């Protein structure tokens, strides 16, 4: 799936994107990251419709490179929780 195509013609998430988002959330390793804050309920920051965290500001290490979502989607960046999704970081 192309991360750049996250919305359908009605402006909502397509079924394919919704399924991909759920898979991302299921496989996400954000809670085990040293940068992740306890109590921050958001995860899956690499997914374009999730965005970066509003509560995480300090980067204390990144485990994105070992995440199944990262590996499965051939992602290239990291610190999605503070720097934005793959799509945002790729410009």
Protein backbone atom coordinates (compact mmCIF):
# COMPACT_ATOMS: atom_id res chain seq x y z
CA UNK A 1 0.00 0.00 0.00
CA UNK A 2 1.20 3.49 -0.83
CA UNK A 3 1.39 5.53 2.39
CA UNK A 4 0.70 8.68 0.37
CA UNK A 5 -2.81 7.45 -0.50
CA UNK A 6 -4.51 7.46 2.89
CA UNK A 7 -7.92 8.90 2.11
CA UNK A 8 -10.59 7.87 -0.36
CA UNK A 9 -12.58 10.14 -2.66
CA UNK A 10 -15.04 11.01 0.13
CA UNK A 11 -12.25 12.24 2.38
CA UNK A 12 -12.51 9.26 4.73
CA UNK A 13 -10.15 6.35 5.22
CA UNK A 14 -10.54 3.70 2.56
CA UNK A 15 -11.19 0.13 3.72
CA UNK A 16 -7.65 -0.86 2.72
CA UNK A 17 -6.17 2.01 4.71
CA UNK A 18 -8.39 1.25 7.72
CA UNK A 19 -7.19 -2.36 7.69
CA UNK A 20 -3.58 -1.22 7.35
CA UNK A 21 -3.99 1.17 10.27
CA UNK A 22 -5.41 -1.59 12.48
CA UNK A 23 -2.53 -3.88 11.51
CA UNK A 24 -0.06 -1.10 12.34
CA UNK A 25 -1.64 -0.64 15.77
CA UNK A 26 -1.58 -4.39 16.43
CA UNK A 27 2.12 -4.76 15.53
CA UNK A 28 3.31 -1.45 16.99
CA UNK A 29 6.24 -1.55 19.42
CA UNK A 30 5.97 2.10 20.53
CA UNK A 31 5.13 1.24 24.17
CA UNK A 32 8.52 -0.53 24.53
CA UNK A 33 10.48 2.48 23.29
CA UNK A 34 12.61 4.56 25.71
CA UNK A 35 11.16 7.75 24.18
CA UNK A 36 7.54 6.65 24.70
CA UNK A 37 5.88 8.10 27.80
CA UNK A 38 3.83 5.99 30.20
CA UNK A 39 0.25 7.10 29.89
CA UNK A 40 0.60 8.20 26.27
CA UNK A 41 -2.20 6.11 24.79
CA UNK A 42 -1.33 6.84 21.17
CA UNK A 43 0.84 4.39 19.25
CA UNK A 44 1.56 3.71 15.59
CA UNK A 45 3.13 7.09 14.96
CA UNK A 46 4.64 5.91 11.66
CA UNK A 47 1.14 5.68 10.18
CA UNK A 48 0.25 8.89 8.27
CA UNK A 49 -3.17 9.46 9.84
CA UNK A 50 -1.90 9.19 13.43
CA UNK A 51 0.73 11.92 13.49
CA UNK A 52 3.25 12.73 16.19
CA UNK A 53 2.61 12.75 19.93
CA UNK A 54 1.44 15.91 21.64
CA UNK A 55 2.98 14.77 24.93
CA UNK A 56 6.40 13.40 23.90
CA UNK A 57 9.04 16.08 23.49
CA UNK A 58 12.34 14.46 24.54
CA UNK A 59 14.00 11.87 22.31
CA UNK A 60 15.55 9.23 24.58
CA UNK A 61 16.30 6.55 21.97
CA UNK A 62 14.41 5.03 19.07
CA UNK A 63 13.45 1.41 18.40
CA UNK A 64 11.51 2.08 15.19
CA UNK A 65 14.13 0.27 13.09
CA UNK A 66 13.29 -3.03 14.80
CA UNK A 67 9.51 -2.63 14.64
CA UNK A 68 7.63 -5.17 12.46
CA UNK A 69 5.67 -2.27 10.89
CA UNK A 70 8.91 -0.50 9.98
CA UNK A 71 10.44 -3.64 8.48
CA UNK A 72 7.30 -4.79 6.66
CA UNK A 73 6.75 -1.40 5.01
CA UNK A 74 10.41 -0.63 4.20
CA UNK A 75 10.26 2.60 6.20
CA UNK A 76 13.35 4.80 6.31
CA UNK A 77 12.99 7.29 9.15
CA UNK A 78 12.58 7.10 12.92
CA UNK A 79 11.35 9.06 15.91
CA UNK A 80 7.88 9.13 14.37
CA UNK A 81 6.46 10.10 17.76
CA UNK A 82 8.32 13.42 17.71
CA UNK A 83 9.18 14.06 14.06
CA UNK A 84 6.02 12.90 12.28
CA UNK A 85 5.03 9.99 10.07
CA UNK A 86 7.13 8.50 7.28
CA UNK A 87 5.12 10.57 4.84
CA UNK A 88 5.68 13.80 6.80
CA UNK A 89 9.41 13.19 7.19
CA UNK A 90 9.82 12.32 3.51
CA UNK A 91 8.34 15.68 2.57
